Amino acid sequence: MIKTAPQALYRRAKDFVQSKLRTGEWTPGDLIPSENRLVQELGMSRMTVNRVARTH
């Protein structure tokens, strides 16, 4: 199995969030999915998802 580098995972999560905002799927005032939900949806660790949340 090929492992994905940590930076690549963070980038993938960040791109996911930015895409939701850019397309208008998530708009100002909306509640975004919980950290746990994003962990499940993206298949990433909580720390990776949390890092994205902290940088926005």
PDB file of N, CA and C in Angstrom:
ATOM      1  N   MET A   1       0.841  -1.183   0.000  1.00  0.00           N
ATOM      2  CA  MET A   1       0.000   0.000   0.000  1.00  0.00           C
ATOM      3  C   MET A   1       0.889   1.250   0.000  1.00  0.00           C
ATOM      4  N   ILE A   2       0.500   2.238  -0.780  1.00  0.00           N
ATOM      5  CA  ILE A   2       1.235   3.489  -0.837  1.00  0.00           C
ATOM      6  C   ILE A   2       0.605   4.457   0.160  1.00  0.00           C
ATOM      7  N   LYS A   3       1.437   4.990   1.033  1.00  0.00           N
ATOM      8  CA  LYS A   3       0.940   5.960   2.010  1.00  0.00           C
ATOM      9  C   LYS A   3       1.016   7.360   1.418  1.00  0.00           C
ATOM     10  N   THR A   4       0.031   8.178   1.751  1.00  0.00           N
ATOM     11  CA  THR A   4       0.019   9.555   1.295  1.00  0.00           C
ATOM     12  C   THR A   4       0.759  10.408   2.326  1.00  0.00           C
ATOM     13  N   ALA A   5       1.598  11.299   1.856  1.00  0.00           N
ATOM     14  CA  ALA A   5       2.350  12.170   2.758  1.00  0.00           C
ATOM     15  C   ALA A   5       1.396  13.037   3.565  1.00  0.00           C
ATOM     16  N   PRO A   6       1.744  13.328   4.832  1.00  0.00           N
ATOM     17  CA  PRO A   6       0.864  14.150   5.674  1.00  0.00           C
ATOM     18  C   PRO A   6       0.482  15.482   5.035  1.00  0.00           C
ATOM     19  N   GLN A   7       1.433  16.142   4.386  1.00  0.00           N
ATOM     20  CA  GLN A   7       1.126  17.421   3.746  1.00  0.00           C
ATOM     21  C   GLN A   7       0.073  17.240   2.657  1.00  0.00           C
ATOM     22  N   ALA A   8       0.150  16.147   1.937  1.00  0.00           N
ATOM     23  CA  ALA A   8      -0.823  15.907   0.877  1.00  0.00           C
ATOM     24  C   ALA A   8      -2.223  15.703   1.455  1.00  0.00           C
ATOM     25  N   LEU A   9      -2.318  15.005   2.589  1.00  0.00           N
ATOM     26  CA  LEU A   9      -3.625  14.818   3.231  1.00  0.00           C
ATOM     27  C   LEU A   9      -4.199  16.152   3.683  1.00  0.00           C
ATOM     28  N   TYR A  10      -3.367  16.972   4.306  1.00  0.00           N
ATOM     29  CA  TYR A  10      -3.812  18.286   4.752  1.00  0.00           C
ATOM     30  C   TYR A  10      -4.288  19.099   3.551  1.00  0.00           C
ATOM     31  N   ARG A  11      -3.538  19.040   2.475  1.00  0.00           N
ATOM     32  CA  ARG A  11      -3.893  19.797   1.267  1.00  0.00           C
ATOM     33  C   ARG A  11      -5.220  19.315   0.701  1.00  0.00           C
ATOM     34  N   ARG A  12      -5.425  17.992   0.712  1.00  0.00           N
ATOM     35  CA  ARG A  12      -6.680  17.437   0.200  1.00  0.00           C
ATOM     36  C   ARG A  12      -7.867  17.911   1.038  1.00  0.00           C
ATOM     37  N   ALA A  13      -7.696  17.930   2.348  1.00  0.00           N
ATOM     38  CA  ALA A  13      -8.763  18.404   3.233  1.00  0.00           C
ATOM     39  C   ALA A  13      -9.026  19.894   3.027  1.00  0.00           C
ATOM     40  N   LYS A  14      -7.957  20.655   2.899  1.00  0.00           N
ATOM     41  CA  LYS A  14      -8.091  22.099   2.683  1.00  0.00           C
ATOM     42  C   LYS A  14      -8.806  22.371   1.356  1.00  0.00           C
ATOM     43  N   ASP A  15      -8.416  21.651   0.316  1.00  0.00           N
ATOM     44  CA  ASP A  15      -9.065  21.812  -0.993  1.00  0.00           C
ATOM     45  C   ASP A  15     -10.547  21.465  -0.926  1.00  0.00           C
ATOM     46  N   PHE A  16     -10.895  20.446  -0.140  1.00  0.00           N
ATOM     47  CA  PHE A  16     -12.290  20.040   0.029  1.00  0.00           C
ATOM     48  C   PHE A  16     -13.102  21.185   0.636  1.00  0.00           C
ATOM     49  N   VAL A  17     -12.590  21.767   1.706  1.00  0.00           N
ATOM     50  CA  VAL A  17     -13.289  22.871   2.387  1.00  0.00           C
ATOM     51  C   VAL A  17     -13.408  24.072   1.448  1.00  0.00           C
ATOM     52  N   GLN A  18     -12.323  24.419   0.798  1.00  0.00           N
ATOM     53  CA  GLN A  18     -12.352  25.569  -0.114  1.00  0.00           C
ATOM     54  C   GLN A  18     -13.331  25.347  -1.261  1.00  0.00           C
ATOM     55  N   SER A  19     -13.419  24.128  -1.745  1.00  0.00           N
ATOM     56  CA  SER A  19     -14.354  23.808  -2.823  1.00  0.00           C
ATOM     57  C   SER A  19     -15.798  24.004  -2.379  1.00  0.00           C
ATOM     58  N   LYS A  20     -16.112  23.557  -1.170  1.00  0.00           N
ATOM     59  CA  LYS A  20     -17.478  23.722  -0.637  1.00  0.00           C
ATOM     60  C   LYS A  20     -17.838  25.201  -0.519  1.00  0.00           C
ATOM     61  N   LEU A  21     -16.866  26.008  -0.108  1.00  0.00           N
ATOM     62  CA  LEU A  21     -17.111  27.445   0.027  1.00  0.00           C
ATOM     63  C   LEU A  21     -17.211  28.116  -1.338  1.00  0.00           C
ATOM     64  N   ARG A  22     -16.316  27.759  -2.232  1.00  0.00           N
ATOM     65  CA  ARG A  22     -16.276  28.369  -3.567  1.00  0.00           C
ATOM     66  C   ARG A  22     -17.533  28.072  -4.378  1.00  0.00           C
ATOM     67  N   THR A  23     -18.045  26.846  -4.264  1.00  0.00           N
ATOM     68  CA  THR A  23     -19.226  26.465  -5.044  1.00  0.00           C
ATOM     69  C   THR A  23     -20.535  26.951  -4.420  1.00  0.00           C
ATOM     70  N   GLY A  24     -20.447  27.481  -3.203  1.00  0.00           N
ATOM     71  CA  GLY A  24     -21.649  27.957  -2.536  1.00  0.00           C
ATOM     72  C   GLY A  24     -22.418  26.881  -1.800  1.00  0.00           C
ATOM     73  N   GLU A  25     -21.872  25.669  -1.755  1.00  0.00           N
ATOM     74  CA  GLU A  25     -22.536  24.605  -1.003  1.00  0.00           C
ATOM     75  C   GLU A  25     -22.561  24.952   0.488  1.00  0.00           C
ATOM     76  N   TRP A  26     -21.500  25.583   0.949  1.00  0.00           N
ATOM     77  CA  TRP A  26     -21.451  26.130   2.307  1.00  0.00           C
ATOM     78  C   TRP A  26     -21.416  27.640   2.170  1.00  0.00           C
ATOM     79  N   THR A  27     -22.371  28.324   2.753  1.00  0.00           N
ATOM     80  CA  THR A  27     -22.436  29.782   2.650  1.00  0.00           C
ATOM     81  C   THR A  27     -22.283  30.409   4.028  1.00  0.00           C
ATOM     82  N   PRO A  28     -21.965  31.705   4.081  1.00  0.00           N
ATOM     83  CA  PRO A  28     -21.823  32.374   5.374  1.00  0.00           C
ATOM     84  C   PRO A  28     -23.082  32.160   6.231  1.00  0.00           C
ATOM     85  N   GLY A  29     -22.849  31.800   7.468  1.00  0.00           N
ATOM     86  CA  GLY A  29     -23.951  31.556   8.387  1.00  0.00           C
ATOM     87  C   GLY A  29     -24.370  30.102   8.476  1.00  0.00           C
ATOM     88  N   ASP A  30     -23.973  29.287   7.490  1.00  0.00           N
ATOM     89  CA  ASP A  30     -24.285  27.854   7.538  1.00  0.00           C
ATOM     90  C   ASP A  30     -23.455  27.166   8.615  1.00  0.00           C
ATOM     91  N   LEU A  31     -24.018  26.132   9.166  1.00  0.00           N
ATOM     92  CA  LEU A  31     -23.243  25.260  10.038  1.00  0.00           C
ATOM     93  C   LEU A  31     -22.557  24.234   9.157  1.00  0.00           C
ATOM     94  N   ILE A  32     -21.253  24.126   9.286  1.00  0.00           N
ATOM     95  CA  ILE A  32     -20.535  23.124   8.508  1.00  0.00           C
ATOM     96  C   ILE A  32     -20.571  21.806   9.274  1.00  0.00           C
ATOM     97  N   PRO A  33     -20.295  20.714   8.597  1.00  0.00           N
ATOM     98  CA  PRO A  33     -20.295  19.420   9.283  1.00  0.00           C
ATOM     99  C   PRO A  33     -19.304  19.411  10.449  1.00  0.00           C
ATOM    100  N   SER A  34     -19.606  18.616  11.443  1.00  0.00           N
ATOM    101  CA  SER A  34     -18.725  18.506  12.604  1.00  0.00           C
ATOM    102  C   SER A  34     -17.380  17.917  12.201  1.00  0.00           C
ATOM    103  N   GLU A  35     -16.416  18.114  13.065  1.00  0.00           N
ATOM    104  CA  GLU A  35     -15.093  17.542  12.837  1.00  0.00           C
ATOM    105  C   GLU A  35     -15.194  16.026  12.657  1.00  0.00           C
ATOM    106  N   ASN A  36     -15.992  15.370  13.494  1.00  0.00           N
ATOM    107  CA  ASN A  36     -16.156  13.918  13.389  1.00  0.00           C
ATOM    108  C   ASN A  36     -16.773  13.521  12.049  1.00  0.00           C
ATOM    109  N   ARG A  37     -17.726  14.278  11.578  1.00  0.00           N
ATOM    110  CA  ARG A  37     -18.367  13.988  10.291  1.00  0.00           C
ATOM    111  C   ARG A  37     -17.359  14.144   9.146  1.00  0.00           C
ATOM    112  N   LEU A  38     -16.550  15.209   9.212  1.00  0.00           N
ATOM    113  CA  LEU A  38     -15.544  15.422   8.178  1.00  0.00           C
ATOM    114  C   LEU A  38     -14.481  14.321   8.210  1.00  0.00           C
ATOM    115  N   VAL A  39     -14.134  13.861   9.401  1.00  0.00           N
ATOM    116  CA  VAL A  39     -13.189  12.742   9.534  1.00  0.00           C
ATOM    117  C   VAL A  39     -13.736  11.526   8.794  1.00  0.00           C
ATOM    118  N   GLN A  40     -15.004  11.234   8.999  1.00  0.00           N
ATOM    119  CA  GLN A  40     -15.629  10.089   8.329  1.00  0.00           C
ATOM    120  C   GLN A  40     -15.711  10.305   6.823  1.00  0.00           C
ATOM    121  N   GLU A  41     -16.137  11.486   6.433  1.00  0.00           N
ATOM    122  CA  GLU A  41     -16.338  11.774   5.012  1.00  0.00           C
ATOM    123  C   GLU A  41     -15.024  11.777   4.227  1.00  0.00           C
ATOM    124  N   LEU A  42     -13.971  12.312   4.844  1.00  0.00           N
ATOM    125  CA  LEU A  42     -12.689  12.428   4.155  1.00  0.00           C
ATOM    126  C   LEU A  42     -11.771  11.233   4.399  1.00  0.00           C
ATOM    127  N   GLY A  43     -12.093  10.421   5.405  1.00  0.00           N
ATOM    128  CA  GLY A  43     -11.251   9.264   5.710  1.00  0.00           C
ATOM    129  C   GLY A  43      -9.882   9.657   6.231  1.00  0.00           C
ATOM    130  N   MET A  44      -9.859  10.719   7.025  1.00  0.00           N
ATOM    131  CA  MET A  44      -8.599  11.239   7.569  1.00  0.00           C
ATOM    132  C   MET A  44      -8.655  11.256   9.082  1.00  0.00           C
ATOM    133  N   SER A  45      -7.505  11.473   9.688  1.00  0.00           N
ATOM    134  CA  SER A  45      -7.465  11.564  11.143  1.00  0.00           C
ATOM    135  C   SER A  45      -8.109  12.871  11.604  1.00  0.00           C
ATOM    136  N   ARG A  46      -8.526  12.869  12.844  1.00  0.00           N
ATOM    137  CA  ARG A  46      -9.121  14.062  13.436  1.00  0.00           C
ATOM    138  C   ARG A  46      -8.112  15.203  13.454  1.00  0.00           C
ATOM    139  N   MET A  47      -6.849  14.893  13.711  1.00  0.00           N
ATOM    140  CA  MET A  47      -5.808  15.932  13.758  1.00  0.00           C
ATOM    141  C   MET A  47      -5.665  16.642  12.407  1.00  0.00           C
ATOM    142  N   THR A  48      -5.746  15.887  11.327  1.00  0.00           N
ATOM    143  CA  THR A  48      -5.627  16.488   9.990  1.00  0.00           C
ATOM    144  C   THR A  48      -6.799  17.414   9.714  1.00  0.00           C
ATOM    145  N   VAL A  49      -8.003  16.957  10.011  1.00  0.00           N
ATOM    146  CA  VAL A  49      -9.201  17.769   9.795  1.00  0.00           C
ATOM    147  C   VAL A  49      -9.163  18.998  10.708  1.00  0.00           C
ATOM    148  N   ASN A  50      -8.744  18.809  11.945  1.00  0.00           N
ATOM    149  CA  ASN A  50      -8.668  19.911  12.898  1.00  0.00           C
ATOM    150  C   ASN A  50      -7.672  20.965  12.422  1.00  0.00           C
ATOM    151  N   ARG A  51      -6.588  20.537  11.830  1.00  0.00           N
ATOM    152  CA  ARG A  51      -5.574  21.479  11.327  1.00  0.00           C
ATOM    153  C   ARG A  51      -6.176  22.412  10.281  1.00  0.00           C
ATOM    154  N   VAL A  52      -7.000  21.864   9.420  1.00  0.00           N
ATOM    155  CA  VAL A  52      -7.669  22.696   8.404  1.00  0.00           C
ATOM    156  C   VAL A  52      -8.596  23.704   9.081  1.00  0.00           C
ATOM    157  N   ALA A  53      -9.343  23.258  10.055  1.00  0.00           N
ATOM    158  CA  ALA A  53     -10.284  24.155  10.753  1.00  0.00           C
ATOM    159  C   ALA A  53      -9.544  25.288  11.464  1.00  0.00           C
ATOM    160  N   ARG A  54      -8.394  24.991  11.994  1.00  0.00           N
ATOM    161  CA  ARG A  54      -7.627  26.010  12.719  1.00  0.00           C
ATOM    162  C   ARG A  54      -6.976  27.033  11.798  1.00  0.00           C
ATOM    163  N   THR A  55      -6.777  26.680  10.540  1.00  0.00           N
ATOM    164  CA  THR A  55      -6.097  27.593   9.626  1.00  0.00           C
ATOM    165  C   THR A  55      -7.074  28.458   8.822  1.00  0.00           C
ATOM    166  N   HIS A  56      -8.369  28.299   9.055  1.00  0.00           N
ATOM    167  CA  HIS A  56      -9.358  29.119   8.325  1.00  0.00           C
ATOM    168  C   HIS A  56     -10.099  30.005   9.263  1.00  0.00           C
TER     169      HIS A  56
END
